[in-house]
Amino acid sequence: MKKLKTAIIGYGRSGRDIHTRLLKQLPDLFEIDFYIEADPERQEMIKKEMEKAVYPDYSAIFNQSGIDLVINASFSQDHARISKDLMKHGFNVLSEKPVAKNAEEFKTILDTAKETGKKYYAFQQYRFSPGITKIREIISSGILGRIVAVNMREDRFARRWDWQTVHENTAGVLLNNGPHYVDNALALMGFPANVEVTAIMDRANYAGNAEDYAKLILKAPGAPVVDIELTASNAFPGSPILIQGTQGTLAGSVTSFSWKYFKPEETPALKLDTRPLRNEKGEPVYCSEKLNIHEESWTPDLGNQSPHQYDFTEKGLAFYRALHDSFVNNKDFFIKNEEVLLQMKVMGEAHAQNKGLFT
């Protein structure tokens, strides 16, 4: 099986702790050839930890041959510029999120990919989470009925003061973490062509001028309404996922959730009765019935991993296996760039509705 020779730009939280960590577990599919890292201390880390060549500027890639894929884990504000430059110089690119600062900039990336004929991928690994895959399976089975509403939330209670708290750095909680939630939300909505966005943002515990609170309500004809809340101000976390259907409800996290439902074939038909309701004694009462409720749950076999480690590893490895298959066999990739463009449009509208926060 062909190994993809890979270069990684950046050796920080993403380049080192995500991409390197994952690729080291796929030695039959990927080979890390060298790194790009400007920070002298991290250059030494690369030499010590990976025993690989390291160059201070990504332009060094242009002089290399045989590189199948460049992983762009540079600073967020540089993702679009570097991705386009790499493709113009003949290299295929996997970009970390956010892929660009807005939809208009992302369109220029797609134009460059089309003009150069190079492959371009967005790192949306959360779509490959085993829990998300199971949830899609449950929804598709129809057991919950028609999906009415989806709630997704990320609750934190923490302060932050690094470069990703500055709006001009293509940062803030919506661009830092939101691409994964918005991507999965749009997938559950069926990636509708027209999405109505209502967004509220605030800044509570960031040192910079970006938002650390984002509430998005997404609506589209024929799709469930989706409520996404990302916050750094909640010390009482709620259920990360809540899905409400006409026949049942699912609640939990991507590593442990339950669903309750009734079966229509076991349930009397629902009929309207506009007369005042009363019991056998003639006393007034509210509507009441005893449905036969079924309950199921899902928790994966974690082995010796924590729930977080399990989900991180499984979705990341699944993403890279799918990318390798798409690349080597020239197949369409599971994550369509048109879907990423819709995600960027949604987040761009959210920022536009809250532009006064960033001035």
Protein backbone atom coordinates (compact mmCIF):
# COMPACT_ATOMS: atom_id res chain seq x y z
CA MET A 1 0.00 0.00 0.00
CA LYS A 2 1.32 3.43 -0.95
CA LYS A 3 2.63 5.55 1.91
CA LEU A 4 1.92 9.25 1.61
CA LYS A 5 5.07 11.29 2.22
CA THR A 6 3.99 14.19 4.39
CA ALA A 7 5.36 17.51 5.54
CA ILE A 8 3.86 19.29 8.55
CA ILE A 9 3.84 23.06 9.00
CA GLY A 10 3.83 23.89 12.70
CA TYR A 11 4.74 21.91 15.83
CA GLY A 12 2.32 23.39 18.33
CA ARG A 13 -0.98 22.26 19.79
CA SER A 14 -2.15 21.10 16.37
CA GLY A 15 0.96 20.08 14.43
CA ARG A 16 2.52 18.22 17.35
CA ASP A 17 -0.33 17.20 19.64
CA ILE A 18 -2.88 16.29 16.98
CA HIS A 19 -1.40 15.54 13.56
CA THR A 20 1.96 14.09 14.59
CA ARG A 21 0.30 12.07 17.35
CA LEU A 22 -2.18 10.58 14.87
CA LEU A 23 0.21 9.92 11.99
CA LYS A 24 2.62 8.09 14.28
CA GLN A 25 -0.16 5.52 14.70
CA LEU A 26 -0.53 5.03 10.93
CA PRO A 27 3.01 4.12 9.82
CA ASP A 28 1.73 1.95 6.95
CA LEU A 29 -0.21 4.84 5.43
CA PHE A 30 1.79 8.00 6.16
CA GLU A 31 5.44 8.93 6.49
CA ILE A 32 6.37 12.27 8.04
CA ASP A 33 9.30 13.51 5.99
CA PHE A 34 10.07 16.87 7.62
CA TYR A 35 8.65 19.85 9.49
CA ILE A 36 8.37 23.60 9.10
CA GLU A 37 8.71 25.47 12.39
CA ALA A 38 10.04 29.00 12.98
CA ASP A 39 10.37 28.78 16.77
CA PRO A 40 13.94 27.74 17.74
CA GLU A 41 12.83 25.87 20.88
CA ARG A 42 10.29 23.86 18.94
CA GLN A 43 12.86 23.15 16.24
CA GLU A 44 14.92 21.46 18.92
CA MET A 45 11.85 19.57 20.13
CA ILE A 46 11.33 18.20 16.63
CA LYS A 47 14.92 17.03 16.37
CA LYS A 48 14.73 15.39 19.80
CA GLU A 49 11.24 13.90 19.64
CA MET A 50 10.91 13.06 15.94
CA GLU A 51 14.49 12.99 14.63
CA LYS A 52 13.31 14.71 11.47
CA ALA A 53 14.61 17.61 9.44
CA VAL A 54 13.09 20.98 10.23
CA TYR A 55 13.12 24.23 8.25
CA PRO A 56 12.19 27.70 9.55
CA ASP A 57 10.03 28.81 6.61
CA TYR A 58 7.45 26.92 4.56
CA SER A 59 9.04 28.14 1.32
CA ALA A 60 11.64 25.39 1.92
CA ILE A 61 8.95 22.94 0.81
CA PHE A 62 9.15 24.35 -2.71
CA ASN A 63 12.60 22.83 -3.11
CA GLN A 64 11.50 19.37 -2.03
CA SER A 65 10.32 16.57 -4.30
CA GLY A 66 8.19 13.54 -3.64
CA ILE A 67 5.95 15.17 -1.02
CA ASP A 68 2.41 13.89 -1.43
CA LEU A 69 0.69 16.02 1.19
CA VAL A 70 1.44 19.12 3.23
CA ILE A 71 -0.43 19.52 6.52
CA ASN A 72 -1.00 23.21 7.16
CA ALA A 73 -1.07 23.62 10.94
CA SER A 74 0.27 27.16 10.90
CA PHE A 75 -1.35 30.08 12.74
CA SER A 76 -5.05 30.41 11.90
CA GLN A 77 -4.66 33.78 10.20
CA ASP A 78 -2.11 32.22 7.82
CA HIS A 79 -4.07 29.11 6.82
CA ALA A 80 -5.62 30.49 3.63
CA ARG A 81 -2.54 32.33 2.36
CA ILE A 82 -0.19 29.40 2.89
CA SER A 83 -2.63 26.82 1.51
CA LYS A 84 -3.00 28.77 -1.73
CA ASP A 85 0.74 29.31 -2.05
CA LEU A 86 1.42 25.62 -1.56
CA MET A 87 -1.07 24.59 -4.23
CA LYS A 88 0.34 27.17 -6.65
CA HIS A 89 3.72 25.51 -6.16
CA GLY A 90 2.32 22.07 -6.92
CA PHE A 91 1.52 20.60 -3.48
CA ASN A 92 -1.62 18.93 -2.15
CA VAL A 93 -2.85 20.42 1.13
CA LEU A 94 -4.68 19.39 4.29
CA SER A 95 -5.58 22.54 6.22
CA GLU A 96 -6.38 22.86 9.88
CA LYS A 97 -9.53 24.75 10.79
CA PRO A 98 -10.51 27.47 10.52
CA VAL A 99 -9.68 27.06 6.84
CA ALA A 100 -10.03 30.81 6.23
CA LYS A 101 -11.25 33.97 7.91
CA ASN A 102 -14.54 33.97 5.98
CA ALA A 103 -16.41 32.40 3.07
CA GLU A 104 -15.02 34.87 0.53
CA GLU A 105 -11.46 33.95 1.41
CA PHE A 106 -12.31 30.25 1.34
CA LYS A 107 -13.72 30.64 -2.17
CA THR A 108 -10.29 31.84 -3.30
CA ILE A 109 -8.82 28.63 -1.87
CA LEU A 110 -11.29 26.53 -3.85
CA ASP A 111 -10.55 28.57 -6.97
CA THR A 112 -6.84 27.92 -6.50
CA ALA A 113 -7.43 24.18 -6.07
CA LYS A 114 -9.45 24.13 -9.29
CA GLU A 115 -6.90 26.18 -11.22
CA THR A 116 -3.93 24.10 -10.09
CA GLY A 117 -5.62 20.71 -10.07
CA LYS A 118 -4.26 20.00 -6.59
CA LYS A 119 -6.10 18.20 -3.81
CA TYR A 120 -7.35 20.28 -0.90
CA TYR A 121 -8.78 18.86 2.32
CA ALA A 122 -10.22 20.51 5.46
CA PHE A 123 -9.47 18.83 8.78
CA GLN A 124 -13.04 18.19 9.97
CA GLN A 125 -12.33 15.03 11.92
CA TYR A 126 -15.28 15.41 14.30
CA ARG A 127 -17.59 14.11 11.55
CA PHE A 128 -15.77 10.77 11.97
CA SER A 129 -16.44 10.47 15.72
CA PRO A 130 -17.83 6.98 16.46
CA GLY A 131 -20.50 8.61 18.63
CA ILE A 132 -21.59 10.97 15.86
CA THR A 133 -21.65 8.07 13.42
CA LYS A 134 -23.89 6.11 15.80
CA ILE A 135 -26.20 9.09 16.27
CA ARG A 136 -26.60 9.47 12.50
CA GLU A 137 -27.43 5.76 12.34
CA ILE A 138 -30.11 6.09 15.04
CA ILE A 139 -31.66 9.12 13.33
CA SER A 140 -31.65 7.39 9.94
CA SER A 141 -33.41 4.36 11.44
CA GLY A 142 -36.46 6.57 12.11
CA ILE A 143 -36.79 5.31 15.67
CA LEU A 144 -36.89 8.88 17.02
CA GLY A 145 -39.41 9.95 14.39
CA ARG A 146 -39.01 13.26 12.59
CA ILE A 147 -36.21 15.27 14.20
CA VAL A 148 -37.63 18.52 15.54
CA ALA A 149 -34.64 20.10 17.27
CA VAL A 150 -30.94 19.51 17.90
CA ASN A 151 -28.97 21.12 20.74
CA MET A 152 -25.17 21.06 20.78
CA ARG A 153 -23.10 22.72 23.47
CA GLU A 154 -19.54 23.09 24.67
CA ASP A 155 -19.40 24.28 28.27
CA ARG A 156 -16.25 25.60 29.87
CA PHE A 157 -15.53 27.87 32.79
CA ALA A 158 -12.08 29.26 32.15
CA ARG A 159 -10.13 32.37 31.27
CA ARG A 160 -7.84 32.59 28.24
CA TRP A 161 -5.17 35.08 27.15
CA ASP A 162 -3.26 33.65 24.15
CA TRP A 163 -3.20 34.59 20.45
CA GLN A 164 -6.47 32.76 19.80
CA THR A 165 -8.35 35.35 21.85
CA VAL A 166 -7.67 38.04 19.21
CA HIS A 167 -10.33 38.46 16.53
CA GLU A 168 -7.85 39.68 13.91
CA ASN A 169 -5.98 36.37 14.26
CA THR A 170 -8.98 34.57 12.71
CA ALA A 171 -9.85 33.45 16.21
CA GLY A 172 -12.52 33.48 18.88
CA VAL A 173 -14.55 30.53 20.14
CA LEU A 174 -16.62 30.24 16.95
CA LEU A 175 -13.58 29.94 14.67
CA ASN A 176 -11.43 28.09 17.23
CA ASN A 177 -13.93 25.35 18.14
CA GLY A 178 -17.10 26.16 16.24
CA PRO A 179 -16.18 24.63 12.84
CA HIS A 180 -16.66 21.14 14.31
CA TYR A 181 -20.05 21.92 15.84
CA VAL A 182 -21.36 23.84 12.85
CA ASP A 183 -20.16 21.08 10.50
CA ASN A 184 -21.99 18.36 12.43
CA ALA A 185 -25.05 20.56 12.82
CA LEU A 186 -25.27 21.22 9.08
CA ALA A 187 -24.77 17.51 8.40
CA LEU A 188 -27.75 16.65 10.62
CA MET A 189 -29.74 19.33 8.78
CA GLY A 190 -28.81 17.76 5.45
CA PHE A 191 -26.60 20.69 4.33
CA PRO A 192 -29.54 22.82 3.18
CA ALA A 193 -28.82 25.41 0.50
CA ASN A 194 -30.32 28.26 2.53
CA VAL A 195 -29.73 28.47 6.26
CA GLU A 196 -31.26 31.18 8.41
CA VAL A 197 -28.78 32.21 11.12
CA THR A 198 -29.49 34.00 14.37
CA ALA A 199 -26.36 34.60 16.45
CA ILE A 200 -25.56 36.17 19.80
CA MET A 201 -21.96 36.64 20.91
CA ASP A 202 -20.28 38.01 24.01
CA ARG A 203 -16.85 38.27 25.59
CA ALA A 204 -16.53 37.31 29.26
CA ASN A 205 -13.16 35.74 30.06
CA TYR A 206 -10.92 36.40 27.05
CA ALA A 207 -8.01 38.83 27.35
CA GLY A 208 -8.27 39.66 23.65
CA ASN A 209 -11.11 41.23 21.66
CA ALA A 210 -12.61 37.99 20.28
CA GLU A 211 -15.77 36.30 21.54
CA ASP A 212 -15.75 33.49 24.10
CA TYR A 213 -19.52 33.05 24.04
CA ALA A 214 -21.45 32.16 20.90
CA LYS A 215 -25.08 31.12 20.56
CA LEU A 216 -26.24 30.15 17.07
CA ILE A 217 -29.76 29.19 16.03
CA LEU A 218 -29.87 27.56 12.59
CA LYS A 219 -33.10 27.08 10.64
CA ALA A 220 -33.92 25.79 7.17
CA PRO A 221 -37.07 24.51 5.46
CA GLY A 222 -37.61 20.81 6.11
CA ALA A 223 -34.73 20.58 8.59
CA PRO A 224 -34.62 20.46 12.39
CA VAL A 225 -33.84 23.69 14.18
CA VAL A 226 -30.33 23.57 15.64
CA ASP A 227 -29.15 25.40 18.76
CA ILE A 228 -25.37 25.62 19.21
CA GLU A 229 -23.91 27.17 22.37
CA LEU A 230 -20.18 27.57 22.97
CA THR A 231 -19.24 29.22 26.24
CA ALA A 232 -16.37 29.85 28.61
CA SER A 233 -18.71 31.02 31.38
CA ASN A 234 -20.58 27.91 32.45
CA ALA A 235 -19.38 26.02 35.52
CA PHE A 236 -22.41 23.70 35.40
CA PRO A 237 -22.09 21.80 32.10
CA GLY A 238 -25.22 20.49 30.47
CA SER A 239 -25.74 17.61 28.08
CA PRO A 240 -23.41 18.19 25.09
CA ILE A 241 -25.95 16.68 22.69
CA LEU A 242 -29.75 16.69 22.88
CA ILE A 243 -31.88 15.51 19.95
CA GLN A 244 -35.64 15.84 20.10
CA GLY A 245 -37.86 13.83 17.77
CA THR A 246 -41.58 13.23 17.38
CA GLN A 247 -41.21 9.72 18.80
CA GLY A 248 -38.21 9.98 21.08
CA THR A 249 -35.25 11.87 22.50
CA LEU A 250 -31.49 11.25 22.58
CA ALA A 251 -29.19 12.86 25.13
CA GLY A 252 -25.57 12.55 26.24
CA SER A 253 -22.10 13.03 24.85
CA VAL A 254 -20.19 11.56 21.91
CA THR A 255 -18.86 8.83 24.20
CA SER A 256 -21.99 7.98 26.16
CA PHE A 257 -25.63 8.65 25.36
CA SER A 258 -29.11 7.20 25.78
CA TRP A 259 -32.31 7.44 23.82
CA LYS A 260 -35.92 6.95 24.83
CA TYR A 261 -38.76 6.38 22.38
CA PHE A 262 -42.17 4.91 21.83
CA LYS A 263 -43.23 2.68 18.96
CA PRO A 264 -46.19 3.92 16.91
CA GLU A 265 -47.47 0.37 16.47
CA GLU A 266 -47.79 0.08 20.27
CA THR A 267 -49.45 3.46 20.69
CA PRO A 268 -53.09 4.51 20.13
CA ALA A 269 -53.63 6.96 17.29
CA LEU A 270 -53.55 10.58 18.41
CA LYS A 271 -57.02 12.10 18.03
CA LEU A 272 -58.16 15.63 18.78
CA ASP A 273 -60.86 16.02 21.44
CA THR A 274 -61.93 19.62 22.06
CA ARG A 275 -64.36 18.80 24.87
CA PRO A 276 -63.35 19.69 28.46
CA LEU A 277 -61.39 16.71 29.81
CA ARG A 278 -62.58 14.93 32.96
CA ASN A 279 -61.82 11.75 34.87
CA GLU A 280 -64.24 8.96 35.81
CA LYS A 281 -65.50 11.11 38.70
CA GLY A 282 -66.22 14.03 36.40
CA GLU A 283 -63.33 16.08 37.81
CA PRO A 284 -61.36 18.32 35.40
CA VAL A 285 -57.98 16.86 34.31
CA TYR A 286 -55.08 17.50 31.96
CA CYS A 287 -54.16 15.25 29.04
CA SER A 288 -52.45 12.17 30.42
CA GLU A 289 -51.51 8.76 29.09
CA LYS A 290 -48.99 6.03 29.85
CA LEU A 291 -46.81 5.42 26.80
CA ASN A 292 -44.75 2.25 26.53
CA ILE A 293 -41.32 3.91 26.61
CA HIS A 294 -38.28 1.99 25.40
CA GLU A 295 -34.78 3.02 26.46
CA GLU A 296 -31.41 2.14 24.97
CA SER A 297 -27.88 3.40 25.51
CA TRP A 298 -24.53 3.40 23.76
CA THR A 299 -21.04 3.49 25.23
CA PRO A 300 -18.01 2.32 23.27
CA ASP A 301 -15.36 -0.05 24.52
CA LEU A 302 -12.77 2.43 25.75
CA GLY A 303 -10.07 -0.12 26.46
CA ASN A 304 -7.58 1.59 28.75
CA GLN A 305 -8.33 5.07 27.37
CA SER A 306 -10.31 7.90 28.88
CA PRO A 307 -13.48 8.88 27.00
CA HIS A 308 -11.70 11.98 25.64
CA GLN A 309 -8.65 10.00 24.52
CA TYR A 310 -10.84 7.39 22.85
CA ASP A 311 -12.87 9.91 20.84
CA PHE A 312 -9.79 11.97 19.92
CA THR A 313 -7.96 8.91 18.64
CA GLU A 314 -10.80 7.14 16.86
CA LYS A 315 -12.13 10.11 14.94
CA GLY A 316 -8.64 11.33 14.02
CA LEU A 317 -7.46 7.94 12.75
CA ALA A 318 -10.73 7.42 10.86
CA PHE A 319 -10.29 10.80 9.18
CA TYR A 320 -6.75 10.01 8.08
CA ARG A 321 -7.66 6.52 6.86
CA ALA A 322 -10.47 7.99 4.77
CA LEU A 323 -8.15 10.70 3.43
CA HIS A 324 -5.57 8.11 2.44
CA ASP A 325 -8.20 6.02 0.66
CA SER A 326 -9.54 9.07 -1.16
CA PHE A 327 -6.06 10.25 -2.14
CA VAL A 328 -4.61 6.94 -3.29
CA ASN A 329 -7.73 5.64 -5.04
CA ASN A 330 -8.84 9.03 -6.40
CA LYS A 331 -12.22 8.81 -4.65
CA ASP A 332 -14.46 11.65 -3.54
CA PHE A 333 -13.68 12.54 0.06
CA PHE A 334 -16.35 12.19 2.74
CA ILE A 335 -15.95 15.87 3.71
CA LYS A 336 -16.97 17.92 0.68
CA ASN A 337 -15.38 21.34 0.27
CA GLU A 338 -18.82 22.72 -0.68
CA GLU A 339 -20.00 21.66 2.78
CA VAL A 340 -17.09 23.51 4.35
CA LEU A 341 -18.04 26.58 2.31
CA LEU A 342 -21.57 26.48 3.76
CA GLN A 343 -20.06 26.22 7.23
CA MET A 344 -17.95 29.32 6.53
CA LYS A 345 -21.03 31.22 5.31
CA VAL A 346 -22.92 30.37 8.51
CA MET A 347 -20.05 31.48 10.74
CA GLY A 348 -19.52 34.60 8.64
CA GLU A 349 -23.17 35.59 9.11
CA ALA A 350 -22.81 35.04 12.85
CA HIS A 351 -19.83 37.37 12.96
CA ALA A 352 -21.60 39.95 10.80
CA GLN A 353 -24.54 40.06 13.22
CA ASN A 354 -22.11 40.78 16.08
CA LYS A 355 -19.52 43.00 14.40
CA GLY A 356 -19.86 45.67 17.08
CA LEU A 357 -18.25 43.31 19.59
CA PHE A 358 -14.94 43.38 17.74
CA THR A 359 -14.46 47.12 17.29
